[in-house]
Amino acid sequence: MLVKSSIAAAIALSLLSPAQAGTVVSAVNATVLSGGSGETDIADTYNLFGLFTDYVSGVTDYDAYFATNPLHDTAFEGQEWFSNPGTTSASVAYDLGSVQTIQGLAFWNEDGTGVGQLNVLGSTDGISWFNLLSNLTPTNNPFKVSYGADLYNWAPTALRYVRLDMSACPQDISDAYIGCAVGEVAFNAASNIPEPSTFALSLLGLAATAALRRRKDA
């Protein structure tokens, strides 16, 4: 009876939609690959400067944090990054410091000189890149209004580097500054917990082992 109950529970769990909890993680470094060194420091896009609500990298729950719609200030100096004047595209590679299982990205698109199109690529070594997401269109945030993040998700993937290829900058062609601009970037790191389907398989294995032992004892 116990074996049958365990198997039934396992099957029920296996039918649940897979979901993996995650924590917010920030980059530890970033390199501007194209678009010039920029008018401001690229570190300002991952050091939490400009965010009204901070998080603790690797600790704060990703879903809970973004459920509060954390906003970014509109002041640019020391809080946002701008590519060189006259550039309509740029590329930045973010280093997470170690290979981690990453399943998404939060992107605060700058309010005045935002990115019109975004491609996201990943890498474990910073040399060979693979596609994660393509042809994204970040929110065109109103000028001088505190702005939230666009959240993008992909299947949990082992990587250390995330590259953002930005183009169609700025979104508002009437803006006096021609360039790409980013407020902040953060990442969704999958927690090391079993998904329901994995847990279900484990229960099935335990149930089968118990059944074999009962048959042998009989």
C-alpha atoms as a PDB file:
ATOM      1  CA  MET A   1       0.000   0.000   0.000  1.00  0.00           C
ATOM      2  CA  LEU A   2       2.816   2.361   0.906  1.00  0.00           C
ATOM      3  CA  VAL A   3       4.547   1.612  -2.393  1.00  0.00           C
ATOM      4  CA  LYS A   4       1.389   2.352  -4.381  1.00  0.00           C
ATOM      5  CA  SER A   5       0.901   5.639  -2.550  1.00  0.00           C
ATOM      6  CA  SER A   6       4.507   6.673  -3.218  1.00  0.00           C
ATOM      7  CA  ILE A   7       4.186   5.896  -6.916  1.00  0.00           C
ATOM      8  CA  ALA A   8       0.922   7.844  -7.157  1.00  0.00           C
ATOM      9  CA  ALA A   9       2.484  10.844  -5.462  1.00  0.00           C
ATOM     10  CA  ALA A  10       5.488  10.672  -7.742  1.00  0.00           C
ATOM     11  CA  ILE A  11       3.333  10.572 -10.860  1.00  0.00           C
ATOM     12  CA  ALA A  12       1.310  13.536  -9.639  1.00  0.00           C
ATOM     13  CA  LEU A  13       4.462  15.547  -9.029  1.00  0.00           C
ATOM     14  CA  SER A  14       5.837  14.669 -12.443  1.00  0.00           C
ATOM     15  CA  LEU A  15       2.800  16.311 -14.034  1.00  0.00           C
ATOM     16  CA  LEU A  16       3.493  19.662 -12.389  1.00  0.00           C
ATOM     17  CA  SER A  17       4.909  22.431 -14.580  1.00  0.00           C
ATOM     18  CA  PRO A  18       8.647  22.628 -14.007  1.00  0.00           C
ATOM     19  CA  ALA A  19       9.718  25.784 -12.192  1.00  0.00           C
ATOM     20  CA  GLN A  20      13.063  26.653 -10.715  1.00  0.00           C
ATOM     21  CA  ALA A  21      13.562  29.209  -7.989  1.00  0.00           C
ATOM     22  CA  GLY A  22      16.252  31.787  -8.565  1.00  0.00           C
ATOM     23  CA  THR A  23      18.279  34.527  -6.920  1.00  0.00           C
ATOM     24  CA  VAL A  24      19.323  37.911  -8.252  1.00  0.00           C
ATOM     25  CA  VAL A  25      23.016  38.059  -9.148  1.00  0.00           C
ATOM     26  CA  SER A  26      25.069  40.962 -10.421  1.00  0.00           C
ATOM     27  CA  ALA A  27      28.102  40.921 -12.661  1.00  0.00           C
ATOM     28  CA  VAL A  28      31.529  41.404 -11.127  1.00  0.00           C
ATOM     29  CA  ASN A  29      32.990  43.031 -14.233  1.00  0.00           C
ATOM     30  CA  ALA A  30      32.017  44.169 -17.721  1.00  0.00           C
ATOM     31  CA  THR A  31      33.827  44.942 -20.966  1.00  0.00           C
ATOM     32  CA  VAL A  32      32.611  47.286 -23.674  1.00  0.00           C
ATOM     33  CA  LEU A  33      33.240  45.412 -26.929  1.00  0.00           C
ATOM     34  CA  SER A  34      31.901  48.065 -29.298  1.00  0.00           C
ATOM     35  CA  GLY A  35      30.380  51.511 -29.079  1.00  0.00           C
ATOM     36  CA  GLY A  36      33.450  53.047 -27.528  1.00  0.00           C
ATOM     37  CA  SER A  37      34.415  53.177 -23.884  1.00  0.00           C
ATOM     38  CA  GLY A  38      31.397  55.389 -23.380  1.00  0.00           C
ATOM     39  CA  GLU A  39      30.562  58.673 -21.743  1.00  0.00           C
ATOM     40  CA  THR A  40      30.183  57.088 -18.300  1.00  0.00           C
ATOM     41  CA  ASP A  41      31.477  54.013 -16.453  1.00  0.00           C
ATOM     42  CA  ILE A  42      30.085  50.631 -17.560  1.00  0.00           C
ATOM     43  CA  ALA A  43      30.353  49.490 -13.907  1.00  0.00           C
ATOM     44  CA  ASP A  44      27.405  51.760 -13.174  1.00  0.00           C
ATOM     45  CA  THR A  45      25.172  49.226 -14.942  1.00  0.00           C
ATOM     46  CA  TYR A  46      25.792  46.465 -12.383  1.00  0.00           C
ATOM     47  CA  ASN A  47      26.822  48.156  -9.123  1.00  0.00           C
ATOM     48  CA  LEU A  48      23.212  48.956  -8.084  1.00  0.00           C
ATOM     49  CA  PHE A  49      23.852  52.710  -8.303  1.00  0.00           C
ATOM     50  CA  GLY A  50      20.606  54.364  -9.331  1.00  0.00           C
ATOM     51  CA  LEU A  51      18.288  51.625  -8.070  1.00  0.00           C
ATOM     52  CA  PHE A  52      15.832  52.792  -5.415  1.00  0.00           C
ATOM     53  CA  THR A  53      15.649  49.261  -3.945  1.00  0.00           C
ATOM     54  CA  ASP A  54      18.856  47.281  -3.511  1.00  0.00           C
ATOM     55  CA  TYR A  55      19.301  43.506  -3.549  1.00  0.00           C
ATOM     56  CA  VAL A  56      21.984  41.187  -2.181  1.00  0.00           C
ATOM     57  CA  SER A  57      23.684  39.387  -5.048  1.00  0.00           C
ATOM     58  CA  GLY A  58      23.264  35.618  -4.797  1.00  0.00           C
ATOM     59  CA  VAL A  59      20.875  35.910  -1.858  1.00  0.00           C
ATOM     60  CA  THR A  60      17.781  37.948  -2.754  1.00  0.00           C
ATOM     61  CA  ASP A  61      14.946  35.942  -4.323  1.00  0.00           C
ATOM     62  CA  TYR A  62      14.583  36.958  -7.968  1.00  0.00           C
ATOM     63  CA  ASP A  63      10.805  36.660  -8.303  1.00  0.00           C
ATOM     64  CA  ALA A  64      10.090  38.342  -4.974  1.00  0.00           C
ATOM     65  CA  TYR A  65      12.439  41.239  -5.742  1.00  0.00           C
ATOM     66  CA  PHE A  66      10.970  41.999  -9.163  1.00  0.00           C
ATOM     67  CA  ALA A  67       7.420  41.598  -7.894  1.00  0.00           C
ATOM     68  CA  THR A  68       8.021  44.949  -6.163  1.00  0.00           C
ATOM     69  CA  ASN A  69       8.873  46.605  -9.528  1.00  0.00           C
ATOM     70  CA  PRO A  70      12.230  48.080  -8.449  1.00  0.00           C
ATOM     71  CA  LEU A  71      12.732  51.417 -10.212  1.00  0.00           C
ATOM     72  CA  HIS A  72      15.848  53.165 -11.511  1.00  0.00           C
ATOM     73  CA  ASP A  73      16.600  56.863 -11.142  1.00  0.00           C
ATOM     74  CA  THR A  74      16.874  59.040 -14.281  1.00  0.00           C
ATOM     75  CA  ALA A  75      20.099  60.826 -13.293  1.00  0.00           C
ATOM     76  CA  PHE A  76      22.868  59.633 -15.617  1.00  0.00           C
ATOM     77  CA  GLU A  77      26.177  60.549 -13.995  1.00  0.00           C
ATOM     78  CA  GLY A  78      27.417  57.718 -11.789  1.00  0.00           C
ATOM     79  CA  GLN A  79      24.245  55.715 -12.396  1.00  0.00           C
ATOM     80  CA  GLU A  80      23.900  54.883 -16.116  1.00  0.00           C
ATOM     81  CA  TRP A  81      26.135  54.043 -19.079  1.00  0.00           C
ATOM     82  CA  PHE A  82      26.108  55.793 -22.465  1.00  0.00           C
ATOM     83  CA  SER A  83      27.980  54.654 -25.560  1.00  0.00           C
ATOM     84  CA  ASN A  84      30.092  57.172 -27.446  1.00  0.00           C
ATOM     85  CA  PRO A  85      28.202  60.070 -29.091  1.00  0.00           C
ATOM     86  CA  GLY A  86      27.038  59.231 -32.603  1.00  0.00           C
ATOM     87  CA  THR A  87      26.921  55.457 -32.118  1.00  0.00           C
ATOM     88  CA  THR A  88      23.677  53.648 -32.890  1.00  0.00           C
ATOM     89  CA  SER A  89      24.855  50.218 -31.714  1.00  0.00           C
ATOM     90  CA  ALA A  90      27.022  48.827 -28.933  1.00  0.00           C
ATOM     91  CA  SER A  91      28.050  45.520 -27.372  1.00  0.00           C
ATOM     92  CA  VAL A  92      28.894  44.771 -23.735  1.00  0.00           C
ATOM     93  CA  ALA A  93      30.064  41.494 -22.166  1.00  0.00           C
ATOM     94  CA  TYR A  94      29.231  40.952 -18.479  1.00  0.00           C
ATOM     95  CA  ASP A  95      31.366  38.642 -16.332  1.00  0.00           C
ATOM     96  CA  LEU A  96      29.556  36.855 -13.489  1.00  0.00           C
ATOM     97  CA  GLY A  97      32.858  35.739 -11.950  1.00  0.00           C
ATOM     98  CA  SER A  98      32.250  31.998 -12.276  1.00  0.00           C
ATOM     99  CA  VAL A  99      30.199  29.530 -14.296  1.00  0.00           C
ATOM    100  CA  GLN A 100      26.654  29.588 -12.957  1.00  0.00           C
ATOM    101  CA  THR A 101      23.263  28.306 -14.078  1.00  0.00           C
ATOM    102  CA  ILE A 102      21.549  31.404 -15.429  1.00  0.00           C
ATOM    103  CA  GLN A 103      17.940  31.443 -16.577  1.00  0.00           C
ATOM    104  CA  GLY A 104      17.130  35.081 -17.221  1.00  0.00           C
ATOM    105  CA  LEU A 105      18.019  38.744 -17.384  1.00  0.00           C
ATOM    106  CA  ALA A 106      16.625  41.981 -15.969  1.00  0.00           C
ATOM    107  CA  PHE A 107      17.332  44.976 -18.195  1.00  0.00           C
ATOM    108  CA  TRP A 108      16.634  48.559 -17.155  1.00  0.00           C
ATOM    109  CA  ASN A 109      16.467  50.439 -20.467  1.00  0.00           C
ATOM    110  CA  GLU A 110      17.604  54.056 -20.007  1.00  0.00           C
ATOM    111  CA  ASP A 111      14.823  56.623 -20.212  1.00  0.00           C
ATOM    112  CA  GLY A 112      16.292  59.086 -22.713  1.00  0.00           C
ATOM    113  CA  THR A 113      18.631  57.158 -24.975  1.00  0.00           C
ATOM    114  CA  GLY A 114      17.284  53.642 -24.728  1.00  0.00           C
ATOM    115  CA  VAL A 115      18.157  50.527 -26.722  1.00  0.00           C
ATOM    116  CA  GLY A 116      15.732  49.755 -29.557  1.00  0.00           C
ATOM    117  CA  GLN A 117      16.770  46.145 -30.207  1.00  0.00           C
ATOM    118  CA  LEU A 118      18.632  43.669 -28.030  1.00  0.00           C
ATOM    119  CA  ASN A 119      20.275  40.292 -28.637  1.00  0.00           C
ATOM    120  CA  VAL A 120      21.512  38.216 -25.679  1.00  0.00           C
ATOM    121  CA  LEU A 121      24.363  35.707 -25.957  1.00  0.00           C
ATOM    122  CA  GLY A 122      26.115  33.486 -23.424  1.00  0.00           C
ATOM    123  CA  SER A 123      29.562  31.964 -22.996  1.00  0.00           C
ATOM    124  CA  THR A 124      31.539  29.918 -20.494  1.00  0.00           C
ATOM    125  CA  ASP A 125      34.932  31.283 -21.578  1.00  0.00           C
ATOM    126  CA  GLY A 126      34.237  34.714 -23.062  1.00  0.00           C
ATOM    127  CA  ILE A 127      35.467  33.528 -26.469  1.00  0.00           C
ATOM    128  CA  SER A 128      32.871  31.167 -27.927  1.00  0.00           C
ATOM    129  CA  TRP A 129      29.350  32.587 -27.783  1.00  0.00           C
ATOM    130  CA  PHE A 130      25.933  30.966 -28.200  1.00  0.00           C
ATOM    131  CA  ASN A 131      22.560  32.605 -28.685  1.00  0.00           C
ATOM    132  CA  LEU A 132      20.149  32.936 -25.766  1.00  0.00           C
ATOM    133  CA  LEU A 133      17.570  35.443 -27.039  1.00  0.00           C
ATOM    134  CA  SER A 134      17.236  37.490 -30.232  1.00  0.00           C
ATOM    135  CA  ASN A 135      15.392  40.532 -31.536  1.00  0.00           C
ATOM    136  CA  LEU A 136      14.136  41.765 -28.191  1.00  0.00           C
ATOM    137  CA  THR A 137      12.518  45.209 -28.076  1.00  0.00           C
ATOM    138  CA  PRO A 138      13.040  46.751 -24.627  1.00  0.00           C
ATOM    139  CA  THR A 139      10.462  49.175 -23.275  1.00  0.00           C
ATOM    140  CA  ASN A 140      10.752  52.724 -24.570  1.00  0.00           C
ATOM    141  CA  ASN A 141      10.667  54.429 -21.187  1.00  0.00           C
ATOM    142  CA  PRO A 142       9.395  58.017 -20.937  1.00  0.00           C
ATOM    143  CA  PHE A 143      12.080  60.672 -20.598  1.00  0.00           C
ATOM    144  CA  LYS A 144      12.821  61.815 -17.043  1.00  0.00           C
ATOM    145  CA  VAL A 145      10.501  59.240 -15.478  1.00  0.00           C
ATOM    146  CA  SER A 146      11.906  56.607 -13.091  1.00  0.00           C
ATOM    147  CA  TYR A 147      11.814  53.290 -14.922  1.00  0.00           C
ATOM    148  CA  GLY A 148      11.482  49.583 -14.184  1.00  0.00           C
ATOM    149  CA  ALA A 149      13.151  46.528 -15.712  1.00  0.00           C
ATOM    150  CA  ASP A 150      12.238  44.351 -18.666  1.00  0.00           C
ATOM    151  CA  LEU A 151      12.483  40.684 -17.617  1.00  0.00           C
ATOM    152  CA  TYR A 152      13.666  38.110 -20.152  1.00  0.00           C
ATOM    153  CA  ASN A 153      13.860  34.352 -19.536  1.00  0.00           C
ATOM    154  CA  TRP A 154      15.519  31.333 -21.141  1.00  0.00           C
ATOM    155  CA  ALA A 155      16.099  27.703 -20.205  1.00  0.00           C
ATOM    156  CA  PRO A 156      18.596  27.296 -17.323  1.00  0.00           C
ATOM    157  CA  THR A 157      22.036  27.424 -18.949  1.00  0.00           C
ATOM    158  CA  ALA A 158      25.575  27.076 -17.570  1.00  0.00           C
ATOM    159  CA  LEU A 159      27.544  30.207 -18.411  1.00  0.00           C
ATOM    160  CA  ARG A 160      29.883  32.789 -16.967  1.00  0.00           C
ATOM    161  CA  TYR A 161      29.580  35.609 -19.489  1.00  0.00           C
ATOM    162  CA  VAL A 162      26.499  37.317 -20.916  1.00  0.00           C
ATOM    163  CA  ARG A 163      26.859  39.549 -23.963  1.00  0.00           C
ATOM    164  CA  LEU A 164      24.340  42.225 -24.846  1.00  0.00           C
ATOM    165  CA  ASP A 165      24.348  43.308 -28.483  1.00  0.00           C
ATOM    166  CA  MET A 166      22.410  46.568 -28.691  1.00  0.00           C
ATOM    167  CA  SER A 167      21.168  48.360 -31.805  1.00  0.00           C
ATOM    168  CA  ALA A 168      18.521  50.802 -33.072  1.00  0.00           C
ATOM    169  CA  CYS A 169      19.752  53.385 -30.571  1.00  0.00           C
ATOM    170  CA  PRO A 170      18.293  55.660 -29.415  1.00  0.00           C
ATOM    171  CA  GLN A 171      14.682  54.549 -29.471  1.00  0.00           C
ATOM    172  CA  ASP A 172      13.463  58.136 -29.621  1.00  0.00           C
ATOM    173  CA  ILE A 173      15.174  59.653 -32.664  1.00  0.00           C
ATOM    174  CA  SER A 174      14.244  63.134 -31.456  1.00  0.00           C
ATOM    175  CA  ASP A 175      16.668  62.740 -28.562  1.00  0.00           C
ATOM    176  CA  ALA A 176      19.587  65.143 -28.737  1.00  0.00           C
ATOM    177  CA  TYR A 177      22.078  62.434 -27.771  1.00  0.00           C
ATOM    178  CA  ILE A 178      22.669  59.741 -30.372  1.00  0.00           C
ATOM    179  CA  GLY A 179      23.878  56.589 -28.641  1.00  0.00           C
ATOM    180  CA  CYS A 180      22.911  53.499 -26.632  1.00  0.00           C
ATOM    181  CA  ALA A 181      22.277  53.759 -22.912  1.00  0.00           C
ATOM    182  CA  VAL A 182      21.700  51.247 -20.111  1.00  0.00           C
ATOM    183  CA  GLY A 183      20.547  51.889 -16.568  1.00  0.00           C
ATOM    184  CA  GLU A 184      21.175  48.543 -14.884  1.00  0.00           C
ATOM    185  CA  VAL A 185      21.523  44.834 -15.617  1.00  0.00           C
ATOM    186  CA  ALA A 186      20.952  41.883 -13.270  1.00  0.00           C
ATOM    187  CA  PHE A 187      20.677  38.133 -13.768  1.00  0.00           C
ATOM    188  CA  ASN A 188      18.466  35.265 -12.610  1.00  0.00           C
ATOM    189  CA  ALA A 189      20.614  32.449 -11.207  1.00  0.00           C
ATOM    190  CA  ALA A 190      18.800  29.128 -10.816  1.00  0.00           C
ATOM    191  CA  SER A 191      18.910  27.717  -7.299  1.00  0.00           C
ATOM    192  CA  ASN A 192      20.373  24.244  -6.830  1.00  0.00           C
ATOM    193  CA  ILE A 193      17.094  22.532  -5.956  1.00  0.00           C
ATOM    194  CA  PRO A 194      15.458  19.650  -7.802  1.00  0.00           C
ATOM    195  CA  GLU A 195      12.627  20.486 -10.189  1.00  0.00           C
ATOM    196  CA  PRO A 196       9.306  18.620  -9.619  1.00  0.00           C
ATOM    197  CA  SER A 197      10.024  16.175 -12.445  1.00  0.00           C
ATOM    198  CA  THR A 198      13.419  15.321 -10.959  1.00  0.00           C
ATOM    199  CA  PHE A 199      11.945  14.895  -7.510  1.00  0.00           C
ATOM    200  CA  ALA A 200       9.223  12.654  -8.940  1.00  0.00           C
ATOM    201  CA  LEU A 201      11.787  10.388 -10.550  1.00  0.00           C
ATOM    202  CA  SER A 202      13.595  10.146  -7.224  1.00  0.00           C
ATOM    203  CA  LEU A 203      10.377   9.075  -5.502  1.00  0.00           C
ATOM    204  CA  LEU A 204       9.721   6.484  -8.183  1.00  0.00           C
ATOM    205  CA  GLY A 205      13.197   5.078  -7.640  1.00  0.00           C
ATOM    206  CA  LEU A 206      12.668   4.845  -3.896  1.00  0.00           C
ATOM    207  CA  ALA A 207       9.284   3.201  -4.411  1.00  0.00           C
ATOM    208  CA  ALA A 208      10.752   0.615  -6.784  1.00  0.00           C
ATOM    209  CA  THR A 209      13.562  -0.136  -4.330  1.00  0.00           C
ATOM    210  CA  ALA A 210      11.043  -0.631  -1.522  1.00  0.00           C
ATOM    211  CA  ALA A 211       8.966  -2.973  -3.694  1.00  0.00           C
ATOM    212  CA  LEU A 212      11.992  -5.121  -4.513  1.00  0.00           C
ATOM    213  CA  ARG A 213      12.942  -5.384  -0.850  1.00  0.00           C
ATOM    214  CA  ARG A 214       9.413  -6.381   0.160  1.00  0.00           C
ATOM    215  CA  ARG A 215       9.351  -9.076  -2.568  1.00  0.00           C
ATOM    216  CA  LYS A 216      12.754 -10.383  -1.485  1.00  0.00           C
ATOM    217  CA  ASP A 217      11.737 -10.525   2.175  1.00  0.00           C
ATOM    218  CA  ALA A 218       8.575 -12.396   1.224  1.00  0.00           C
END
